[in-house]
Amino acid sequence: MAETNEQGHAEVDIETTVVDVDGDGVADGASETRTTVADVDGDGIVDVVERTTVTIVDVDGDGVADVVQQTTTRAYDIDGDGVPDIIESVTVTGVDADGDGELSDDEITVEETVAVREDLLADDNEAEDKAD
């Protein structure tokens, strides 16, 4: 699916996978990945890429999800050179450790990572040094 307006262009791609590990006809796991690519300013260079993957796994085969994980990764091209300048990723994982069919707060973890191109950090540090 693609959408264009006066300022830019965006495309979304969705891929879904369902897995039946034991061949009983019941899904043991499913995963959906949604990728969005956007040229925000309309210059033909991708400015933002976002990929979100949601995975659900039924470990014990009872038809209830035991593990649910969502990972969202975004890459930003700030300076318009076509190379990601900032990449951020957030992964939320829920594991039904006690088998009650629900995810309580102590069964959910969140991991976040941000990476910035070193040359941009160097430029930023030089600007701060000049300001002092």
C-alpha atoms as a PDB file:
ATOM      1  CA  MET A   1       0.000   0.000   0.000  1.00  0.00           C
ATOM      2  CA  ALA A   2       1.414   3.417  -0.943  1.00  0.00           C
ATOM      3  CA  GLU A   3       0.216   6.867  -0.051  1.00  0.00           C
ATOM      4  CA  THR A   4       1.430  10.127  -1.564  1.00  0.00           C
ATOM      5  CA  ASN A   5       0.613  13.707  -0.669  1.00  0.00           C
ATOM      6  CA  GLU A   6       2.103  17.072  -1.607  1.00  0.00           C
ATOM      7  CA  GLN A   7       4.931  16.707   0.898  1.00  0.00           C
ATOM      8  CA  GLY A   8       6.039  13.113   0.558  1.00  0.00           C
ATOM      9  CA  HIS A   9       5.421   9.446  -0.051  1.00  0.00           C
ATOM     10  CA  ALA A  10       4.972   6.441   2.225  1.00  0.00           C
ATOM     11  CA  GLU A  11       4.715   2.711   1.582  1.00  0.00           C
ATOM     12  CA  VAL A  12       3.580  -0.020   3.963  1.00  0.00           C
ATOM     13  CA  ASP A  13       4.332  -3.729   3.574  1.00  0.00           C
ATOM     14  CA  ILE A  14       2.754  -6.380   5.830  1.00  0.00           C
ATOM     15  CA  GLU A  15       4.019  -9.961   6.048  1.00  0.00           C
ATOM     16  CA  THR A  16       2.281 -12.598   8.177  1.00  0.00           C
ATOM     17  CA  THR A  17       3.589 -16.059   9.063  1.00  0.00           C
ATOM     18  CA  VAL A  18       1.690 -18.793  10.905  1.00  0.00           C
ATOM     19  CA  VAL A  19       3.521 -21.919  12.088  1.00  0.00           C
ATOM     20  CA  ASP A  20       2.095 -25.313  13.078  1.00  0.00           C
ATOM     21  CA  VAL A  21       5.132 -27.021  14.606  1.00  0.00           C
ATOM     22  CA  ASP A  22       3.545 -30.310  15.634  1.00  0.00           C
ATOM     23  CA  GLY A  23       1.227 -30.729  12.618  1.00  0.00           C
ATOM     24  CA  ASP A  24      -1.994 -30.885  14.630  1.00  0.00           C
ATOM     25  CA  GLY A  25      -3.669 -28.175  12.548  1.00  0.00           C
ATOM     26  CA  VAL A  26      -3.528 -25.633  15.390  1.00  0.00           C
ATOM     27  CA  ALA A  27      -1.179 -22.662  15.113  1.00  0.00           C
ATOM     28  CA  ASP A  28       1.729 -22.872  17.550  1.00  0.00           C
ATOM     29  CA  GLY A  29       3.093 -19.483  16.600  1.00  0.00           C
ATOM     30  CA  ALA A  30       2.307 -16.483  14.470  1.00  0.00           C
ATOM     31  CA  SER A  31       4.290 -13.452  13.436  1.00  0.00           C
ATOM     32  CA  GLU A  32       3.352 -10.253  11.633  1.00  0.00           C
ATOM     33  CA  THR A  33       5.870  -7.730  10.343  1.00  0.00           C
ATOM     34  CA  ARG A  34       4.766  -4.287   9.223  1.00  0.00           C
ATOM     35  CA  THR A  35       7.350  -2.147   7.433  1.00  0.00           C
ATOM     36  CA  THR A  36       6.709   1.510   6.683  1.00  0.00           C
ATOM     37  CA  VAL A  37       9.055   3.496   4.464  1.00  0.00           C
ATOM     38  CA  ALA A  38       8.531   7.256   4.231  1.00  0.00           C
ATOM     39  CA  ASP A  39       9.989  10.065   2.184  1.00  0.00           C
ATOM     40  CA  VAL A  40       8.706  12.856   4.403  1.00  0.00           C
ATOM     41  CA  ASP A  41       9.981  15.857   2.464  1.00  0.00           C
ATOM     42  CA  GLY A  42       9.359  14.509  -1.049  1.00  0.00           C
ATOM     43  CA  ASP A  43      12.990  14.662  -2.225  1.00  0.00           C
ATOM     44  CA  GLY A  44      13.056  11.002  -3.309  1.00  0.00           C
ATOM     45  CA  ILE A  45      15.332   9.915  -0.431  1.00  0.00           C
ATOM     46  CA  VAL A  46      13.876   7.742   2.324  1.00  0.00           C
ATOM     47  CA  ASP A  47      13.753   9.710   5.581  1.00  0.00           C
ATOM     48  CA  VAL A  48      12.181   7.200   7.979  1.00  0.00           C
ATOM     49  CA  VAL A  49      11.914   3.416   8.018  1.00  0.00           C
ATOM     50  CA  GLU A  50       9.846   1.727  10.708  1.00  0.00           C
ATOM     51  CA  ARG A  51       9.540  -2.024  11.154  1.00  0.00           C
ATOM     52  CA  THR A  52       7.284  -3.571  13.785  1.00  0.00           C
ATOM     53  CA  THR A  53       7.205  -7.312  14.358  1.00  0.00           C
ATOM     54  CA  VAL A  54       4.688  -8.962  16.656  1.00  0.00           C
ATOM     55  CA  THR A  55       5.271 -12.627  17.505  1.00  0.00           C
ATOM     56  CA  ILE A  56       2.937 -14.871  19.474  1.00  0.00           C
ATOM     57  CA  VAL A  57       3.928 -18.385  20.594  1.00  0.00           C
ATOM     58  CA  ASP A  58       1.812 -21.091  22.233  1.00  0.00           C
ATOM     59  CA  VAL A  59       4.523 -23.186  23.880  1.00  0.00           C
ATOM     60  CA  ASP A  60       2.340 -25.795  25.603  1.00  0.00           C
ATOM     61  CA  GLY A  61      -0.254 -26.247  22.823  1.00  0.00           C
ATOM     62  CA  ASP A  62      -3.295 -25.203  24.864  1.00  0.00           C
ATOM     63  CA  GLY A  63      -4.333 -22.540  22.338  1.00  0.00           C
ATOM     64  CA  VAL A  64      -3.390 -19.667  24.647  1.00  0.00           C
ATOM     65  CA  ALA A  65      -0.348 -17.488  23.925  1.00  0.00           C
ATOM     66  CA  ASP A  66       2.522 -18.119  26.328  1.00  0.00           C
ATOM     67  CA  VAL A  67       4.964 -15.638  24.789  1.00  0.00           C
ATOM     68  CA  VAL A  68       4.100 -12.343  23.123  1.00  0.00           C
ATOM     69  CA  GLN A  69       6.815 -10.086  21.760  1.00  0.00           C
ATOM     70  CA  GLN A  70       6.702  -6.808  19.869  1.00  0.00           C
ATOM     71  CA  THR A  71       9.805  -5.166  18.444  1.00  0.00           C
ATOM     72  CA  THR A  72       9.639  -1.755  16.810  1.00  0.00           C
ATOM     73  CA  THR A  73      12.725  -0.390  15.094  1.00  0.00           C
ATOM     74  CA  ARG A  74      12.905   3.058  13.520  1.00  0.00           C
ATOM     75  CA  ALA A  75      15.723   4.480  11.419  1.00  0.00           C
ATOM     76  CA  TYR A  76      15.929   8.200  10.656  1.00  0.00           C
ATOM     77  CA  ASP A  77      17.980   9.899   7.955  1.00  0.00           C
ATOM     78  CA  ILE A  78      18.283  13.388   9.432  1.00  0.00           C
ATOM     79  CA  ASP A  79      20.759  14.932   6.993  1.00  0.00           C
ATOM     80  CA  GLY A  80      19.234  13.535   3.783  1.00  0.00           C
ATOM     81  CA  ASP A  81      22.262  11.555   2.598  1.00  0.00           C
ATOM     82  CA  GLY A  82      20.339   8.265   2.360  1.00  0.00           C
ATOM     83  CA  VAL A  83      22.142   6.695   5.347  1.00  0.00           C
ATOM     84  CA  PRO A  84      20.367   6.206   8.704  1.00  0.00           C
ATOM     85  CA  ASP A  85      21.642   8.684  11.293  1.00  0.00           C
ATOM     86  CA  ILE A  86      19.613   7.530  14.289  1.00  0.00           C
ATOM     87  CA  ILE A  87      18.275   4.041  14.936  1.00  0.00           C
ATOM     88  CA  GLU A  88      16.019   3.306  17.865  1.00  0.00           C
ATOM     89  CA  SER A  89      14.584  -0.040  18.858  1.00  0.00           C
ATOM     90  CA  VAL A  90      12.091  -1.045  21.532  1.00  0.00           C
ATOM     91  CA  THR A  91      11.272  -4.663  22.369  1.00  0.00           C
ATOM     92  CA  VAL A  92       8.415  -5.543  24.705  1.00  0.00           C
ATOM     93  CA  THR A  93       8.226  -9.190  25.753  1.00  0.00           C
ATOM     94  CA  GLY A  94       5.547 -10.856  27.810  1.00  0.00           C
ATOM     95  CA  VAL A  95       5.961 -14.421  29.086  1.00  0.00           C
ATOM     96  CA  ASP A  96       3.093 -16.114  30.906  1.00  0.00           C
ATOM     97  CA  ALA A  97       5.449 -17.805  33.356  1.00  0.00           C
ATOM     98  CA  ASP A  98       2.758 -18.927  35.802  1.00  0.00           C
ATOM     99  CA  GLY A  99       0.471 -20.330  33.077  1.00  0.00           C
ATOM    100  CA  ASP A 100      -2.629 -18.414  34.172  1.00  0.00           C
ATOM    101  CA  GLY A 101      -3.318 -17.189  30.621  1.00  0.00           C
ATOM    102  CA  GLU A 102      -2.643 -13.555  31.516  1.00  0.00           C
ATOM    103  CA  LEU A 103       0.430 -11.334  31.424  1.00  0.00           C
ATOM    104  CA  SER A 104       0.989  -9.526  34.709  1.00  0.00           C
ATOM    105  CA  ASP A 105       3.423  -6.613  35.160  1.00  0.00           C
ATOM    106  CA  ASP A 106       6.188  -8.859  36.509  1.00  0.00           C
ATOM    107  CA  GLU A 107       5.970 -11.034  33.359  1.00  0.00           C
ATOM    108  CA  ILE A 108       6.629  -8.134  30.960  1.00  0.00           C
ATOM    109  CA  THR A 109      10.028  -6.687  30.067  1.00  0.00           C
ATOM    110  CA  VAL A 110      10.945  -3.672  27.956  1.00  0.00           C
ATOM    111  CA  GLU A 111      14.328  -3.187  26.287  1.00  0.00           C
ATOM    112  CA  GLU A 112      15.238   0.045  24.506  1.00  0.00           C
ATOM    113  CA  THR A 113      18.270   0.893  22.374  1.00  0.00           C
ATOM    114  CA  VAL A 114      19.251   4.080  20.567  1.00  0.00           C
ATOM    115  CA  ALA A 115      22.215   4.333  18.209  1.00  0.00           C
ATOM    116  CA  VAL A 116      23.473   7.601  16.713  1.00  0.00           C
ATOM    117  CA  ARG A 117      26.073   7.873  13.963  1.00  0.00           C
ATOM    118  CA  GLU A 118      29.410   8.772  15.571  1.00  0.00           C
ATOM    119  CA  ASP A 119      30.213  11.523  13.078  1.00  0.00           C
ATOM    120  CA  LEU A 120      26.965  13.286  14.043  1.00  0.00           C
ATOM    121  CA  LEU A 121      27.924  13.048  17.705  1.00  0.00           C
ATOM    122  CA  ALA A 122      31.355  14.464  16.892  1.00  0.00           C
ATOM    123  CA  ASP A 123      29.766  17.383  15.002  1.00  0.00           C
ATOM    124  CA  ASP A 124      27.403  18.003  17.922  1.00  0.00           C
ATOM    125  CA  ASN A 125      30.271  17.930  20.458  1.00  0.00           C
ATOM    126  CA  GLU A 126      32.289  20.379  18.322  1.00  0.00           C
ATOM    127  CA  ALA A 127      29.324  22.765  18.222  1.00  0.00           C
ATOM    128  CA  GLU A 128      28.974  22.551  22.010  1.00  0.00           C
ATOM    129  CA  ASP A 129      32.722  23.236  22.445  1.00  0.00           C
ATOM    130  CA  LYS A 130      32.475  26.336  20.237  1.00  0.00           C
ATOM    131  CA  ALA A 131      29.458  27.587  22.210  1.00  0.00           C
ATOM    132  CA  ASP A 132      31.409  27.374  25.493  1.00  0.00           C
END
